[in-house]
Amino acid sequence: MNTSPSRFGYGAQTAAQFDEGLRKHMLRVYNYMGAGLVITGIIAFIVGSTPALYVPIFSSPLKWVVMLAPLAFVFFFSFKIQTMSASTAQMTFWAFCAVMGLSLASVFLVFTGTSIARTFFIAATMFGATSLYGYVTKRDLSKFGSFLMMGLIGVVIASIVNIFLGSSALQFAISVIGILVFVGLTAWDTQNIKEQYAENFDEESQQKIAVFGALSLYLNFVNIFQLLLNFTGERE
């Protein structure tokens, strides 16, 4: 006689509960990410359209602080996420998004509003499609992780070098390769976020995982957007 849980519906019930919990977890991740993008966009627009704010920042060495501050936040997040509380993780994420808004304010000084809106829509479409793929695919994407991270390191190094070289050809190559890398990272990170979810985690741990997942997806989206601007952006 079969007395397994599935015979009496317990297995199906557990699977249904897990799927519901996973759905809520992913929704929380995307909500954090979306709210972060709203904060970034509002601050970038306000600063970029207010001379009294952007002139003191981008006409002085302060611009380097604004440009490098988001990187410092990412490193801080990576090293402290395990020890900080969920509320601290949230506040750090919101602060990071605000600082990123200051950094991206220069976009409104260089490109037209129409091209920014168009590029945002294209980036959102690309991000949404690849994130959905990462969520639903049964294919194991972990084997691509090391390759994507190597590509990311290469893009970062090349970008730093090109600050001094100012080569348009190198910038074009960086943009093309960078978009491919961050599109791949979007699918990979989405699958990782899905796999990291565990129903027996306490609420505190799940919230921290959601915040860190939102940070990963946020960074992928912002980088896709910035790199696409090099192709679709119309300069002022």
Protein backbone atom coordinates (compact mmCIF):
# COMPACT_ATOMS: atom_id res chain seq x y z
CA MET A 1 0.00 0.00 0.00
CA ASN A 2 1.34 3.43 -1.00
CA THR A 3 1.40 5.78 1.98
CA SER A 4 3.64 8.49 0.46
CA PRO A 5 2.64 12.11 1.14
CA SER A 6 1.80 12.69 -2.52
CA ARG A 7 -0.91 9.99 -2.39
CA PHE A 8 -2.90 12.05 0.05
CA GLY A 9 -2.08 15.39 -1.54
CA TYR A 10 0.49 16.52 1.01
CA GLY A 11 3.29 16.57 -1.57
CA ALA A 12 1.20 18.63 -3.97
CA GLN A 13 0.21 20.98 -1.16
CA THR A 14 3.83 21.49 -0.14
CA ALA A 15 4.85 22.16 -3.75
CA ALA A 16 2.00 24.66 -4.12
CA GLN A 17 3.03 26.45 -0.93
CA PHE A 18 6.64 26.56 -2.07
CA ASP A 19 5.66 27.99 -5.47
CA GLU A 20 3.52 30.64 -3.81
CA GLY A 21 6.34 31.56 -1.45
CA LEU A 22 8.80 31.74 -4.34
CA ARG A 23 6.42 33.94 -6.33
CA LYS A 24 6.12 36.36 -3.39
CA HIS A 25 9.89 36.34 -2.93
CA MET A 26 10.58 37.19 -6.58
CA LEU A 27 7.90 39.87 -6.48
CA ARG A 28 9.61 41.39 -3.45
CA VAL A 29 12.94 41.39 -5.31
CA TYR A 30 11.45 43.14 -8.35
CA ASN A 31 9.59 45.62 -6.14
CA TYR A 32 12.81 46.58 -4.37
CA MET A 33 14.58 46.92 -7.70
CA GLY A 34 11.75 48.99 -9.22
CA ALA A 35 11.59 51.31 -6.22
CA GLY A 36 15.37 51.72 -6.40
CA LEU A 37 15.17 52.70 -10.07
CA VAL A 38 12.45 55.25 -9.27
CA ILE A 39 14.66 56.83 -6.57
CA THR A 40 17.62 56.89 -8.95
CA GLY A 41 15.59 58.37 -11.80
CA ILE A 42 14.02 61.11 -9.70
CA ILE A 43 17.32 62.23 -8.19
CA ALA A 44 19.13 62.05 -11.54
CA PHE A 45 16.43 64.16 -13.21
CA ILE A 46 16.28 66.77 -10.44
CA VAL A 47 20.06 67.18 -10.24
CA GLY A 48 20.53 67.03 -14.02
CA SER A 49 17.95 69.76 -14.62
CA THR A 50 19.06 72.08 -11.82
CA PRO A 51 22.22 74.10 -12.57
CA ALA A 52 22.59 75.09 -8.92
CA LEU A 53 23.06 71.39 -8.14
CA TYR A 54 24.97 69.92 -11.09
CA VAL A 55 27.42 72.77 -11.66
CA PRO A 56 29.15 72.48 -8.24
CA ILE A 57 29.29 68.69 -8.63
CA PHE A 58 30.43 68.17 -12.22
CA SER A 59 32.70 71.20 -12.51
CA SER A 60 34.88 70.21 -9.57
CA PRO A 61 36.81 67.17 -8.30
CA LEU A 62 33.62 66.28 -6.43
CA LYS A 63 32.47 64.55 -9.61
CA TRP A 64 35.00 61.76 -9.00
CA VAL A 65 33.56 61.19 -5.54
CA VAL A 66 30.06 61.00 -7.01
CA MET A 67 31.19 58.63 -9.77
CA LEU A 68 33.12 56.27 -7.48
CA ALA A 69 30.74 56.30 -4.51
CA PRO A 70 28.37 53.67 -6.00
CA LEU A 71 31.30 51.27 -6.37
CA ALA A 72 32.16 51.76 -2.69
CA PHE A 73 28.55 50.94 -1.77
CA VAL A 74 28.66 47.72 -3.81
CA PHE A 75 31.84 46.56 -2.06
CA PHE A 76 30.37 47.46 1.34
CA PHE A 77 27.20 45.54 0.53
CA SER A 78 29.11 42.47 -0.65
CA PHE A 79 31.22 42.24 2.51
CA LYS A 80 28.59 43.22 5.09
CA ILE A 81 25.33 41.69 3.82
CA GLN A 82 25.74 38.60 6.03
CA THR A 83 26.19 40.57 9.24
CA MET A 84 23.85 43.54 8.74
CA SER A 85 20.19 43.44 9.69
CA ALA A 86 17.42 43.40 7.09
CA SER A 87 16.44 46.98 7.90
CA THR A 88 20.06 48.15 7.55
CA ALA A 89 20.34 46.30 4.25
CA GLN A 90 17.25 48.11 2.97
CA MET A 91 18.47 51.54 4.08
CA THR A 92 21.88 50.87 2.51
CA PHE A 93 20.20 49.88 -0.73
CA TRP A 94 18.07 53.05 -0.81
CA ALA A 95 21.16 55.16 -0.07
CA PHE A 96 23.02 53.40 -2.87
CA CYS A 97 20.20 54.13 -5.31
CA ALA A 98 20.24 57.79 -4.29
CA VAL A 99 24.00 58.06 -4.81
CA MET A 100 23.64 56.32 -8.17
CA GLY A 101 21.08 58.98 -9.07
CA LEU A 102 23.70 61.66 -8.46
CA SER A 103 26.14 59.75 -10.65
CA LEU A 104 23.63 59.34 -13.48
CA ALA A 105 22.59 63.00 -13.42
CA SER A 106 25.22 63.64 -16.09
CA VAL A 107 23.10 61.59 -18.50
CA PHE A 108 20.54 64.42 -18.58
CA LEU A 109 23.33 66.88 -19.38
CA VAL A 110 24.58 64.88 -22.37
CA PHE A 111 21.55 63.20 -23.97
CA THR A 112 18.10 64.43 -24.99
CA GLY A 113 15.12 63.50 -22.87
CA THR A 114 13.47 61.67 -25.78
CA SER A 115 16.48 59.44 -26.39
CA ILE A 116 16.80 58.71 -22.66
CA ALA A 117 13.15 57.62 -22.50
CA ARG A 118 13.51 55.50 -25.66
CA THR A 119 16.67 53.83 -24.40
CA PHE A 120 15.06 53.15 -21.04
CA PHE A 121 12.20 51.36 -22.78
CA ILE A 122 14.60 49.27 -24.88
CA ALA A 123 16.69 48.42 -21.81
CA ALA A 124 13.56 47.48 -19.84
CA THR A 125 12.42 45.19 -22.64
CA MET A 126 15.79 43.46 -22.90
CA PHE A 127 16.05 43.13 -19.14
CA GLY A 128 12.52 41.80 -18.75
CA ALA A 129 12.94 39.19 -21.47
CA THR A 130 16.27 37.86 -20.18
CA SER A 131 15.17 37.91 -16.54
CA LEU A 132 12.04 35.95 -17.47
CA TYR A 133 14.22 33.45 -19.32
CA GLY A 134 16.44 33.04 -16.27
CA TYR A 135 13.36 32.41 -14.14
CA VAL A 136 11.58 29.84 -16.32
CA THR A 137 14.45 27.99 -18.00
CA LYS A 138 15.28 24.49 -16.84
CA ARG A 139 18.80 24.87 -18.20
CA ASP A 140 21.55 25.21 -15.61
CA LEU A 141 23.13 28.63 -16.19
CA SER A 142 25.73 28.28 -13.43
CA LYS A 143 28.33 26.99 -15.91
CA PHE A 144 28.23 30.37 -17.64
CA GLY A 145 28.90 32.24 -14.39
CA SER A 146 32.70 32.19 -14.48
CA PHE A 147 32.71 33.18 -18.15
CA LEU A 148 30.36 36.11 -17.50
CA MET A 149 32.40 37.29 -14.51
CA MET A 150 35.57 37.22 -16.61
CA GLY A 151 33.77 39.27 -19.24
CA LEU A 152 32.65 41.74 -16.58
CA ILE A 153 36.19 42.16 -15.26
CA GLY A 154 37.42 42.70 -18.80
CA VAL A 155 34.78 45.37 -19.45
CA VAL A 156 35.65 47.20 -16.22
CA ILE A 157 39.39 47.17 -16.96
CA ALA A 158 38.87 48.29 -20.56
CA SER A 159 36.56 51.11 -19.40
CA ILE A 160 39.17 52.37 -16.95
CA VAL A 161 41.87 52.26 -19.61
CA ASN A 162 39.65 54.11 -22.07
CA ILE A 163 39.18 56.97 -19.62
CA PHE A 164 42.78 57.88 -20.42
CA LEU A 165 42.82 56.81 -24.08
CA GLY A 166 39.49 58.27 -25.14
CA SER A 167 39.21 55.83 -28.06
CA SER A 168 35.81 55.77 -29.77
CA ALA A 169 36.56 52.37 -31.32
CA LEU A 170 37.40 50.90 -27.93
CA GLN A 171 34.29 52.48 -26.43
CA PHE A 172 32.17 50.87 -29.15
CA ALA A 173 33.67 47.46 -28.41
CA ILE A 174 33.17 47.96 -24.68
CA SER A 175 29.52 48.84 -25.24
CA VAL A 176 28.80 45.82 -27.43
CA ILE A 177 30.58 43.32 -25.19
CA GLY A 178 29.23 44.97 -22.05
CA ILE A 179 25.60 44.68 -23.19
CA LEU A 180 26.08 40.99 -23.95
CA VAL A 181 27.72 40.42 -20.57
CA PHE A 182 25.04 42.21 -18.55
CA VAL A 183 22.22 40.57 -20.48
CA GLY A 184 23.78 37.21 -19.64
CA LEU A 185 24.26 38.24 -16.00
CA THR A 186 20.58 39.20 -15.79
CA ALA A 187 19.47 35.67 -16.67
CA TRP A 188 22.17 34.12 -14.46
CA ASP A 189 21.39 36.32 -11.44
CA THR A 190 17.65 35.70 -11.79
CA GLN A 191 18.19 31.95 -11.71
CA ASN A 192 20.52 32.34 -8.72
CA ILE A 193 17.93 34.40 -6.83
CA LYS A 194 15.32 31.76 -7.55
CA GLU A 195 17.57 28.93 -6.40
CA GLN A 196 18.68 30.75 -3.24
CA TYR A 197 15.11 30.99 -2.05
CA ALA A 198 14.27 28.48 0.66
CA GLU A 199 10.93 28.31 2.43
CA ASN A 200 12.51 27.45 5.78
CA PHE A 201 14.51 30.71 5.89
CA ASP A 202 13.26 33.11 8.51
CA GLU A 203 11.73 36.41 7.43
CA GLU A 204 14.90 38.35 8.26
CA SER A 205 17.07 36.17 6.01
CA GLN A 206 14.55 36.17 3.16
CA GLN A 207 14.37 39.94 3.27
CA LYS A 208 18.16 40.31 3.10
CA ILE A 209 18.34 37.85 0.20
CA ALA A 210 15.64 39.86 -1.57
CA VAL A 211 17.52 43.13 -1.10
CA PHE A 212 20.80 41.67 -2.33
CA GLY A 213 19.03 40.08 -5.29
CA ALA A 214 17.43 43.42 -6.11
CA LEU A 215 20.88 45.04 -6.02
CA SER A 216 22.26 42.50 -8.51
CA LEU A 217 19.39 42.98 -10.95
CA TYR A 218 19.44 46.75 -10.47
CA LEU A 219 23.12 46.91 -11.42
CA ASN A 220 22.53 44.78 -14.51
CA PHE A 221 19.69 47.02 -15.66
CA VAL A 222 21.54 50.29 -15.07
CA ASN A 223 24.59 49.05 -16.96
CA ILE A 224 22.48 47.81 -19.89
CA PHE A 225 20.79 51.22 -19.98
CA GLN A 226 24.05 53.18 -19.89
CA LEU A 227 25.74 51.05 -22.55
CA LEU A 228 22.71 51.25 -24.84
CA LEU A 229 22.82 55.03 -24.64
CA ASN A 230 26.11 54.88 -26.54
CA PHE A 231 24.14 53.46 -29.48
CA THR A 232 20.67 55.00 -29.27
CA GLY A 233 21.32 58.22 -27.35
CA GLU A 234 20.99 61.56 -29.13
CA ARG A 235 23.31 64.14 -27.67
CA GLU A 236 22.23 67.63 -26.68
